[in-house]
Protein backbone atom coordinates (compact mmCIF):
# COMPACT_ATOMS: atom_id res chain seq x y z
CA UNK A 1 0.00 0.00 0.00
CA UNK A 2 1.36 3.33 -1.03
CA UNK A 3 -0.05 6.74 -0.05
CA UNK A 4 0.43 9.51 -2.62
CA UNK A 5 -0.50 13.16 -2.99
CA UNK A 6 -2.59 13.11 -6.17
CA UNK A 7 -1.83 15.96 -8.55
CA UNK A 8 -3.94 15.04 -11.59
CA UNK A 9 -6.48 12.41 -12.71
CA UNK A 10 -4.80 9.07 -13.33
CA UNK A 11 -1.82 9.86 -11.10
CA UNK A 12 -2.36 6.69 -9.03
CA UNK A 13 -2.20 4.55 -12.18
CA UNK A 14 1.06 6.19 -13.20
CA UNK A 15 2.54 5.46 -9.75
CA UNK A 16 1.35 1.84 -9.88
CA UNK A 17 2.89 1.28 -13.32
CA UNK A 18 6.13 2.92 -12.19
CA UNK A 19 6.28 0.57 -9.20
CA UNK A 20 5.74 -2.44 -11.47
CA UNK A 21 8.84 -1.37 -13.39
CA UNK A 22 11.10 -1.55 -10.34
CA UNK A 23 13.01 -4.84 -10.38
CA UNK A 24 11.16 -7.65 -8.66
CA UNK A 25 8.10 -5.46 -8.01
CA UNK A 26 6.85 -6.80 -11.36
CA UNK A 27 6.14 -10.09 -9.56
CA UNK A 28 3.76 -8.47 -7.06
CA UNK A 29 0.16 -9.62 -7.20
CA UNK A 30 -1.40 -6.41 -5.89
CA UNK A 31 -0.37 -2.78 -5.76
CA UNK A 32 -2.79 -0.56 -3.90
CA UNK A 33 -2.39 3.22 -4.02
CA UNK A 34 -4.21 5.48 -1.55
CA UNK A 35 -4.60 9.22 -1.11
CA UNK A 36 -2.13 10.78 1.29
CA UNK A 37 -4.74 11.35 4.01
CA UNK A 38 -5.35 7.60 4.47
CA UNK A 39 -3.43 6.07 7.36
CA UNK A 40 -2.09 2.95 5.63
CA UNK A 41 -0.87 1.58 8.97
CA UNK A 42 -4.46 1.28 10.27
CA UNK A 43 -5.86 -1.81 8.56
CA UNK A 44 -9.45 -1.04 9.61
CA UNK A 45 -9.29 2.40 8.01
CA UNK A 46 -7.66 0.98 4.88
CA UNK A 47 -10.32 -1.70 4.45
CA UNK A 48 -13.13 0.80 5.08
CA UNK A 49 -11.75 3.32 2.57
CA UNK A 50 -10.99 0.58 0.05
CA UNK A 51 -14.41 -1.06 0.38
CA UNK A 52 -16.52 2.08 0.43
CA UNK A 53 -14.73 4.40 -1.99
CA UNK A 54 -13.74 2.10 -4.86
CA UNK A 55 -15.56 2.06 -8.18
CA UNK A 56 -14.19 -1.05 -9.92
CA UNK A 57 -14.88 0.23 -13.43
CA UNK A 58 -12.91 3.41 -12.72
CA UNK A 59 -10.37 2.49 -10.06
CA UNK A 60 -9.12 -1.03 -10.77
CA UNK A 61 -6.81 -2.21 -13.54
CA UNK A 62 -5.86 -5.81 -14.19
CA UNK A 63 -2.64 -6.38 -16.08
CA UNK A 64 -0.70 -9.40 -17.23
CA UNK A 65 2.96 -9.56 -16.48
CA UNK A 66 5.75 -12.02 -15.87
CA UNK A 67 4.84 -15.24 -14.11
CA UNK A 68 6.80 -16.43 -11.10
CA UNK A 69 7.35 -20.17 -11.51
CA UNK A 70 7.15 -20.61 -7.73
CA UNK A 71 3.65 -19.12 -7.58
CA UNK A 72 1.19 -22.00 -7.80
CA UNK A 73 -1.84 -19.72 -8.30
CA UNK A 74 -0.81 -18.23 -11.66
CA UNK A 75 -2.25 -19.41 -14.94
CA UNK A 76 0.51 -20.87 -17.07
PDB file of N, CA and C in Angstrom:
ATOM      1  N   UNK A   1       0.845  -1.165   0.000  1.00  0.00           N
ATOM      2  CA  UNK A   1       0.000   0.000   0.000  1.00  0.00           C
ATOM      3  C   UNK A   1       0.893   1.231   0.000  1.00  0.00           C
ATOM      4  N   UNK A   2       0.557   2.136  -0.870  1.00  0.00           N
ATOM      5  CA  UNK A   2       1.357   3.334  -1.032  1.00  0.00           C
ATOM      6  C   UNK A   2       0.468   4.571  -0.984  1.00  0.00           C
ATOM      7  N   UNK A   3       0.701   5.484  -0.033  1.00  0.00           N
ATOM      8  CA  UNK A   3      -0.052   6.742  -0.046  1.00  0.00           C
ATOM      9  C   UNK A   3       0.646   7.756  -0.954  1.00  0.00           C
ATOM     10  N   UNK A   4      -0.136   8.482  -1.751  1.00  0.00           N
ATOM     11  CA  UNK A   4       0.432   9.514  -2.622  1.00  0.00           C
ATOM     12  C   UNK A   4      -0.393  10.789  -2.522  1.00  0.00           C
ATOM     13  N   UNK A   5       0.198  11.879  -2.897  1.00  0.00           N
ATOM     14  CA  UNK A   5      -0.496  13.157  -2.993  1.00  0.00           C
ATOM     15  C   UNK A   5      -0.874  13.334  -4.467  1.00  0.00           C
ATOM     16  N   UNK A   6      -2.154  13.048  -4.778  1.00  0.00           N
ATOM     17  CA  UNK A   6      -2.588  13.106  -6.175  1.00  0.00           C
ATOM     18  C   UNK A   6      -2.501  14.529  -6.706  1.00  0.00           C
ATOM     19  N   UNK A   7      -1.965  14.651  -7.914  1.00  0.00           N
ATOM     20  CA  UNK A   7      -1.827  15.959  -8.547  1.00  0.00           C
ATOM     21  C   UNK A   7      -2.684  16.100  -9.787  1.00  0.00           C
ATOM     22  N   UNK A   8      -3.131  14.994 -10.366  1.00  0.00           N
ATOM     23  CA  UNK A   8      -3.940  15.036 -11.585  1.00  0.00           C
ATOM     24  C   UNK A   8      -4.684  13.703 -11.717  1.00  0.00           C
ATOM     25  N   UNK A   9      -5.761  13.669 -12.508  1.00  0.00           N
ATOM     26  CA  UNK A   9      -6.484  12.411 -12.714  1.00  0.00           C
ATOM     27  C   UNK A   9      -5.567  11.352 -13.335  1.00  0.00           C
ATOM     28  N   UNK A  10      -5.634  10.151 -12.809  1.00  0.00           N
ATOM     29  CA  UNK A  10      -4.804   9.066 -13.326  1.00  0.00           C
ATOM     30  C   UNK A  10      -3.432   8.978 -12.694  1.00  0.00           C
ATOM     31  N   UNK A  11      -3.131   9.852 -11.742  1.00  0.00           N
ATOM     32  CA  UNK A  11      -1.817   9.859 -11.102  1.00  0.00           C
ATOM     33  C   UNK A  11      -1.545   8.526 -10.390  1.00  0.00           C
ATOM     34  N   UNK A  12      -2.555   7.961  -9.744  1.00  0.00           N
ATOM     35  CA  UNK A  12      -2.360   6.693  -9.028  1.00  0.00           C
ATOM     36  C   UNK A  12      -1.971   5.572  -9.992  1.00  0.00           C
ATOM     37  N   UNK A  13      -2.566   5.564 -11.198  1.00  0.00           N
ATOM     38  CA  UNK A  13      -2.198   4.546 -12.179  1.00  0.00           C
ATOM     39  C   UNK A  13      -0.750   4.712 -12.616  1.00  0.00           C
ATOM     40  N   UNK A  14      -0.316   5.944 -12.792  1.00  0.00           N
ATOM     41  CA  UNK A  14       1.063   6.193 -13.199  1.00  0.00           C
ATOM     42  C   UNK A  14       2.031   5.692 -12.125  1.00  0.00           C
ATOM     43  N   UNK A  15       1.698   5.928 -10.858  1.00  0.00           N
ATOM     44  CA  UNK A  15       2.536   5.461  -9.754  1.00  0.00           C
ATOM     45  C   UNK A  15       2.567   3.929  -9.729  1.00  0.00           C
ATOM     46  N   UNK A  16       1.409   3.302  -9.906  1.00  0.00           N
ATOM     47  CA  UNK A  16       1.351   1.838  -9.883  1.00  0.00           C
ATOM     48  C   UNK A  16       2.190   1.238 -11.006  1.00  0.00           C
ATOM     49  N   UNK A  17       2.078   1.794 -12.210  1.00  0.00           N
ATOM     50  CA  UNK A  17       2.887   1.284 -13.324  1.00  0.00           C
ATOM     51  C   UNK A  17       4.382   1.522 -13.088  1.00  0.00           C
ATOM     52  N   UNK A  18       4.728   2.644 -12.490  1.00  0.00           N
ATOM     53  CA  UNK A  18       6.134   2.915 -12.188  1.00  0.00           C
ATOM     54  C   UNK A  18       6.666   1.889 -11.180  1.00  0.00           C
ATOM     55  N   UNK A  19       5.855   1.559 -10.182  1.00  0.00           N
ATOM     56  CA  UNK A  19       6.280   0.566  -9.197  1.00  0.00           C
ATOM     57  C   UNK A  19       6.458  -0.811  -9.843  1.00  0.00           C
ATOM     58  N   UNK A  20       5.603  -1.150 -10.792  1.00  0.00           N
ATOM     59  CA  UNK A  20       5.739  -2.437 -11.475  1.00  0.00           C
ATOM     60  C   UNK A  20       7.035  -2.528 -12.274  1.00  0.00           C
ATOM     61  N   UNK A  21       7.600  -1.390 -12.625  1.00  0.00           N
ATOM     62  CA  UNK A  21       8.836  -1.372 -13.390  1.00  0.00           C
ATOM     63  C   UNK A  21      10.089  -1.451 -12.544  1.00  0.00           C
ATOM     64  N   UNK A  22       9.942  -1.524 -11.235  1.00  0.00           N
ATOM     65  CA  UNK A  22      11.103  -1.553 -10.339  1.00  0.00           C
ATOM     66  C   UNK A  22      11.502  -2.986  -9.991  1.00  0.00           C
ATOM     67  N   UNK A  23      12.434  -3.530 -10.714  1.00  0.00           N
ATOM     68  CA  UNK A  23      13.010  -4.837 -10.382  1.00  0.00           C
ATOM     69  C   UNK A  23      11.983  -5.921 -10.147  1.00  0.00           C
ATOM     70  N   UNK A  24      12.040  -6.536  -8.983  1.00  0.00           N
ATOM     71  CA  UNK A  24      11.159  -7.652  -8.664  1.00  0.00           C
ATOM     72  C   UNK A  24       9.746  -7.225  -8.283  1.00  0.00           C
ATOM     73  N   UNK A  25       9.472  -5.926  -8.268  1.00  0.00           N
ATOM     74  CA  UNK A  25       8.103  -5.464  -8.008  1.00  0.00           C
ATOM     75  C   UNK A  25       7.158  -5.951  -9.101  1.00  0.00           C
ATOM     76  N   UNK A  26       7.688  -6.297 -10.267  1.00  0.00           N
ATOM     77  CA  UNK A  26       6.850  -6.798 -11.356  1.00  0.00           C
ATOM     78  C   UNK A  26       6.198  -8.130 -10.998  1.00  0.00           C
ATOM     79  N   UNK A  27       6.704  -8.817  -9.982  1.00  0.00           N
ATOM     80  CA  UNK A  27       6.136 -10.089  -9.565  1.00  0.00           C
ATOM     81  C   UNK A  27       5.060  -9.937  -8.492  1.00  0.00           C
ATOM     82  N   UNK A  28       4.801  -8.713  -8.062  1.00  0.00           N
ATOM     83  CA  UNK A  28       3.760  -8.474  -7.056  1.00  0.00           C
ATOM     84  C   UNK A  28       2.391  -8.797  -7.617  1.00  0.00           C
ATOM     85  N   UNK A  29       1.514  -9.325  -6.765  1.00  0.00           N
ATOM     86  CA  UNK A  29       0.157  -9.624  -7.203  1.00  0.00           C
ATOM     87  C   UNK A  29      -0.732  -8.389  -7.117  1.00  0.00           C
ATOM     88  N   UNK A  30      -0.547  -7.573  -6.101  1.00  0.00           N
ATOM     89  CA  UNK A  30      -1.398  -6.409  -5.894  1.00  0.00           C
ATOM     90  C   UNK A  30      -0.552  -5.189  -5.569  1.00  0.00           C
ATOM     91  N   UNK A  31      -0.923  -4.071  -6.155  1.00  0.00           N
ATOM     92  CA  UNK A  31      -0.369  -2.785  -5.759  1.00  0.00           C
ATOM     93  C   UNK A  31      -1.569  -1.894  -5.498  1.00  0.00           C
ATOM     94  N   UNK A  32      -1.658  -1.385  -4.293  1.00  0.00           N
ATOM     95  CA  UNK A  32      -2.791  -0.556  -3.903  1.00  0.00           C
ATOM     96  C   UNK A  32      -2.261   0.829  -3.578  1.00  0.00           C
ATOM     97  N   UNK A  33      -2.829   1.841  -4.205  1.00  0.00           N
ATOM     98  CA  UNK A  33      -2.386   3.219  -4.016  1.00  0.00           C
ATOM     99  C   UNK A  33      -3.524   4.005  -3.373  1.00  0.00           C
ATOM    100  N   UNK A  34      -3.225   4.699  -2.274  1.00  0.00           N
ATOM    101  CA  UNK A  34      -4.213   5.484  -1.549  1.00  0.00           C
ATOM    102  C   UNK A  34      -3.851   6.961  -1.572  1.00  0.00           C
ATOM    103  N   UNK A  35      -4.850   7.797  -1.304  1.00  0.00           N
ATOM    104  CA  UNK A  35      -4.597   9.222  -1.114  1.00  0.00           C
ATOM    105  C   UNK A  35      -3.751   9.416   0.130  1.00  0.00           C
ATOM    106  N   UNK A  36      -3.058  10.536   0.193  1.00  0.00           N
ATOM    107  CA  UNK A  36      -2.127  10.782   1.295  1.00  0.00           C
ATOM    108  C   UNK A  36      -2.790  10.854   2.661  1.00  0.00           C
ATOM    109  N   UNK A  37      -4.061  11.191   2.727  1.00  0.00           N
ATOM    110  CA  UNK A  37      -4.736  11.354   4.014  1.00  0.00           C
ATOM    111  C   UNK A  37      -5.143  10.023   4.642  1.00  0.00           C
ATOM    112  N   UNK A  38      -5.005   8.920   3.932  1.00  0.00           N
ATOM    113  CA  UNK A  38      -5.355   7.602   4.471  1.00  0.00           C
ATOM    114  C   UNK A  38      -4.181   7.063   5.277  1.00  0.00           C
ATOM    115  N   UNK A  39      -4.460   6.656   6.508  1.00  0.00           N
ATOM    116  CA  UNK A  39      -3.428   6.070   7.364  1.00  0.00           C
ATOM    117  C   UNK A  39      -3.259   4.606   6.961  1.00  0.00           C
ATOM    118  N   UNK A  40      -2.264   4.310   6.146  1.00  0.00           N
ATOM    119  CA  UNK A  40      -2.087   2.949   5.631  1.00  0.00           C
ATOM    120  C   UNK A  40      -1.604   1.967   6.699  1.00  0.00           C
ATOM    121  N   UNK A  41      -1.293   2.452   7.880  1.00  0.00           N
ATOM    122  CA  UNK A  41      -0.868   1.582   8.974  1.00  0.00           C
ATOM    123  C   UNK A  41      -2.054   1.127   9.822  1.00  0.00           C
ATOM    124  N   UNK A  42      -3.238   1.672   9.563  1.00  0.00           N
ATOM    125  CA  UNK A  42      -4.455   1.284  10.272  1.00  0.00           C
ATOM    126  C   UNK A  42      -5.292   0.427   9.322  1.00  0.00           C
ATOM    127  N   UNK A  43      -5.224  -0.891   9.496  1.00  0.00           N
ATOM    128  CA  UNK A  43      -5.864  -1.810   8.560  1.00  0.00           C
ATOM    129  C   UNK A  43      -7.371  -1.622   8.510  1.00  0.00           C
ATOM    130  N   UNK A  44      -8.001  -1.274   9.619  1.00  0.00           N
ATOM    131  CA  UNK A  44      -9.448  -1.044   9.610  1.00  0.00           C
ATOM    132  C   UNK A  44      -9.805   0.149   8.735  1.00  0.00           C
ATOM    133  N   UNK A  45      -9.044   1.226   8.845  1.00  0.00           N
ATOM    134  CA  UNK A  45      -9.291   2.401   8.009  1.00  0.00           C
ATOM    135  C   UNK A  45      -9.049   2.079   6.536  1.00  0.00           C
ATOM    136  N   UNK A  46      -7.980   1.350   6.260  1.00  0.00           N
ATOM    137  CA  UNK A  46      -7.656   0.978   4.878  1.00  0.00           C
ATOM    138  C   UNK A  46      -8.787   0.166   4.267  1.00  0.00           C
ATOM    139  N   UNK A  47      -9.253  -0.858   4.982  1.00  0.00           N
ATOM    140  CA  UNK A  47     -10.320  -1.700   4.450  1.00  0.00           C
ATOM    141  C   UNK A  47     -11.616  -0.920   4.275  1.00  0.00           C
ATOM    142  N   UNK A  48     -11.917  -0.006   5.197  1.00  0.00           N
ATOM    143  CA  UNK A  48     -13.131   0.795   5.080  1.00  0.00           C
ATOM    144  C   UNK A  48     -13.052   1.720   3.861  1.00  0.00           C
ATOM    145  N   UNK A  49     -11.932   2.415   3.717  1.00  0.00           N
ATOM    146  CA  UNK A  49     -11.750   3.319   2.571  1.00  0.00           C
ATOM    147  C   UNK A  49     -11.787   2.520   1.270  1.00  0.00           C
ATOM    148  N   UNK A  50     -11.075   1.412   1.245  1.00  0.00           N
ATOM    149  CA  UNK A  50     -10.989   0.576   0.047  1.00  0.00           C
ATOM    150  C   UNK A  50     -12.371   0.030  -0.335  1.00  0.00           C
ATOM    151  N   UNK A  51     -13.110  -0.456   0.651  1.00  0.00           N
ATOM    152  CA  UNK A  51     -14.407  -1.064   0.384  1.00  0.00           C
ATOM    153  C   UNK A  51     -15.508  -0.075   0.049  1.00  0.00           C
ATOM    154  N   UNK A  52     -15.433   1.122   0.596  1.00  0.00           N
ATOM    155  CA  UNK A  52     -16.520   2.082   0.426  1.00  0.00           C
ATOM    156  C   UNK A  52     -16.264   3.169  -0.613  1.00  0.00           C
ATOM    157  N   UNK A  53     -15.043   3.309  -1.071  1.00  0.00           N
ATOM    158  CA  UNK A  53     -14.732   4.399  -1.995  1.00  0.00           C
ATOM    159  C   UNK A  53     -14.186   3.918  -3.336  1.00  0.00           C
ATOM    160  N   UNK A  54     -14.293   2.637  -3.618  1.00  0.00           N
ATOM    161  CA  UNK A  54     -13.742   2.104  -4.856  1.00  0.00           C
ATOM    162  C   UNK A  54     -14.848   1.834  -5.865  1.00  0.00           C
ATOM    163  N   UNK A  55     -14.686   2.370  -7.051  1.00  0.00           N
ATOM    164  CA  UNK A  55     -15.562   2.059  -8.183  1.00  0.00           C
ATOM    165  C   UNK A  55     -14.740   1.168  -9.108  1.00  0.00           C
ATOM    166  N   UNK A  56     -15.036  -0.126  -9.151  1.00  0.00           N
ATOM    167  CA  UNK A  56     -14.191  -1.048  -9.918  1.00  0.00           C
ATOM    168  C   UNK A  56     -13.998  -0.655 -11.376  1.00  0.00           C
ATOM    169  N   UNK A  57     -15.026  -0.126 -12.015  1.00  0.00           N
ATOM    170  CA  UNK A  57     -14.876   0.227 -13.425  1.00  0.00           C
ATOM    171  C   UNK A  57     -13.939   1.408 -13.635  1.00  0.00           C
ATOM    172  N   UNK A  58     -13.751   2.219 -12.616  1.00  0.00           N
ATOM    173  CA  UNK A  58     -12.909   3.406 -12.724  1.00  0.00           C
ATOM    174  C   UNK A  58     -11.560   3.240 -12.030  1.00  0.00           C
ATOM    175  N   UNK A  59     -11.527   2.475 -10.951  1.00  0.00           N
ATOM    176  CA  UNK A  59     -10.371   2.487 -10.059  1.00  0.00           C
ATOM    177  C   UNK A  59      -9.490   1.246 -10.096  1.00  0.00           C
ATOM    178  N   UNK A  60      -9.881   0.215 -10.792  1.00  0.00           N
ATOM    179  CA  UNK A  60      -9.118  -1.033 -10.771  1.00  0.00           C
ATOM    180  C   UNK A  60      -8.634  -1.370 -12.179  1.00  0.00           C
ATOM    181  N   UNK A  61      -7.355  -1.728 -12.278  1.00  0.00           N
ATOM    182  CA  UNK A  61      -6.810  -2.209 -13.543  1.00  0.00           C
ATOM    183  C   UNK A  61      -6.222  -3.592 -13.299  1.00  0.00           C
ATOM    184  N   UNK A  62      -6.412  -4.459 -14.260  1.00  0.00           N
ATOM    185  CA  UNK A  62      -5.856  -5.811 -14.189  1.00  0.00           C
ATOM    186  C   UNK A  62      -4.894  -5.953 -15.360  1.00  0.00           C
ATOM    187  N   UNK A  63      -3.651  -6.263 -15.039  1.00  0.00           N
ATOM    188  CA  UNK A  63      -2.637  -6.384 -16.078  1.00  0.00           C
ATOM    189  C   UNK A  63      -2.059  -7.798 -16.070  1.00  0.00           C
ATOM    190  N   UNK A  64      -1.431  -8.140 -17.161  1.00  0.00           N
ATOM    191  CA  UNK A  64      -0.701  -9.402 -17.231  1.00  0.00           C
ATOM    192  C   UNK A  64       0.775  -9.067 -17.265  1.00  0.00           C
ATOM    193  N   UNK A  65       1.532  -9.815 -16.530  1.00  0.00           N
ATOM    194  CA  UNK A  65       2.956  -9.562 -16.482  1.00  0.00           C
ATOM    195  C   UNK A  65       3.713 -10.863 -16.401  1.00  0.00           C
ATOM    196  N   UNK A  66       4.958 -10.793 -15.975  1.00  0.00           N
ATOM    197  CA  UNK A  66       5.752 -12.016 -15.865  1.00  0.00           C
ATOM    198  C   UNK A  66       5.154 -12.956 -14.820  1.00  0.00           C
ATOM    199  N   UNK A  67       5.363 -14.232 -15.029  1.00  0.00           N
ATOM    200  CA  UNK A  67       4.836 -15.243 -14.115  1.00  0.00           C
ATOM    201  C   UNK A  67       5.988 -15.797 -13.290  1.00  0.00           C
ATOM    202  N   UNK A  68       5.802 -15.830 -11.996  1.00  0.00           N
ATOM    203  CA  UNK A  68       6.796 -16.429 -11.098  1.00  0.00           C
ATOM    204  C   UNK A  68       6.551 -17.934 -11.075  1.00  0.00           C
ATOM    205  N   UNK A  69       7.526 -18.715 -11.441  1.00  0.00           N
ATOM    206  CA  UNK A  69       7.350 -20.170 -11.513  1.00  0.00           C
ATOM    207  C   UNK A  69       7.078 -20.788 -10.140  1.00  0.00           C
ATOM    208  N   UNK A  70       7.406 -20.096  -9.079  1.00  0.00           N
ATOM    209  CA  UNK A  70       7.155 -20.612  -7.728  1.00  0.00           C
ATOM    210  C   UNK A  70       5.756 -20.288  -7.226  1.00  0.00           C
ATOM    211  N   UNK A  71       5.009 -19.494  -7.985  1.00  0.00           N
ATOM    212  CA  UNK A  71       3.649 -19.124  -7.582  1.00  0.00           C
ATOM    213  C   UNK A  71       2.667 -20.126  -8.177  1.00  0.00           C
ATOM    214  N   UNK A  72       2.080 -20.950  -7.334  1.00  0.00           N
ATOM    215  CA  UNK A  72       1.185 -22.003  -7.803  1.00  0.00           C
ATOM    216  C   UNK A  72      -0.180 -21.479  -8.261  1.00  0.00           C
ATOM    217  N   UNK A  73      -0.509 -20.236  -7.965  1.00  0.00           N
ATOM    218  CA  UNK A  73      -1.836 -19.721  -8.301  1.00  0.00           C
ATOM    219  C   UNK A  73      -1.898 -19.024  -9.659  1.00  0.00           C
ATOM    220  N   UNK A  74      -0.792 -18.890 -10.365  1.00  0.00           N
ATOM    221  CA  UNK A  74      -0.814 -18.228 -11.655  1.00  0.00           C
ATOM    222  C   UNK A  74      -1.250 -19.180 -12.753  1.00  0.00           C
ATOM    223  N   UNK A  75      -1.853 -18.605 -13.783  1.00  0.00           N
ATOM    224  CA  UNK A  75      -2.245 -19.407 -14.942  1.00  0.00           C
ATOM    225  C   UNK A  75      -1.038 -19.495 -15.864  1.00  0.00           C
ATOM    226  N   UNK A  76      -0.684 -20.672 -16.245  1.00  0.00           N
ATOM    227  CA  UNK A  76       0.509 -20.866 -17.072  1.00  0.00           C
ATOM    228  C   UNK A  76       0.162 -21.066 -18.506  1.00  0.00           C
TER     229      UNK A  76
END
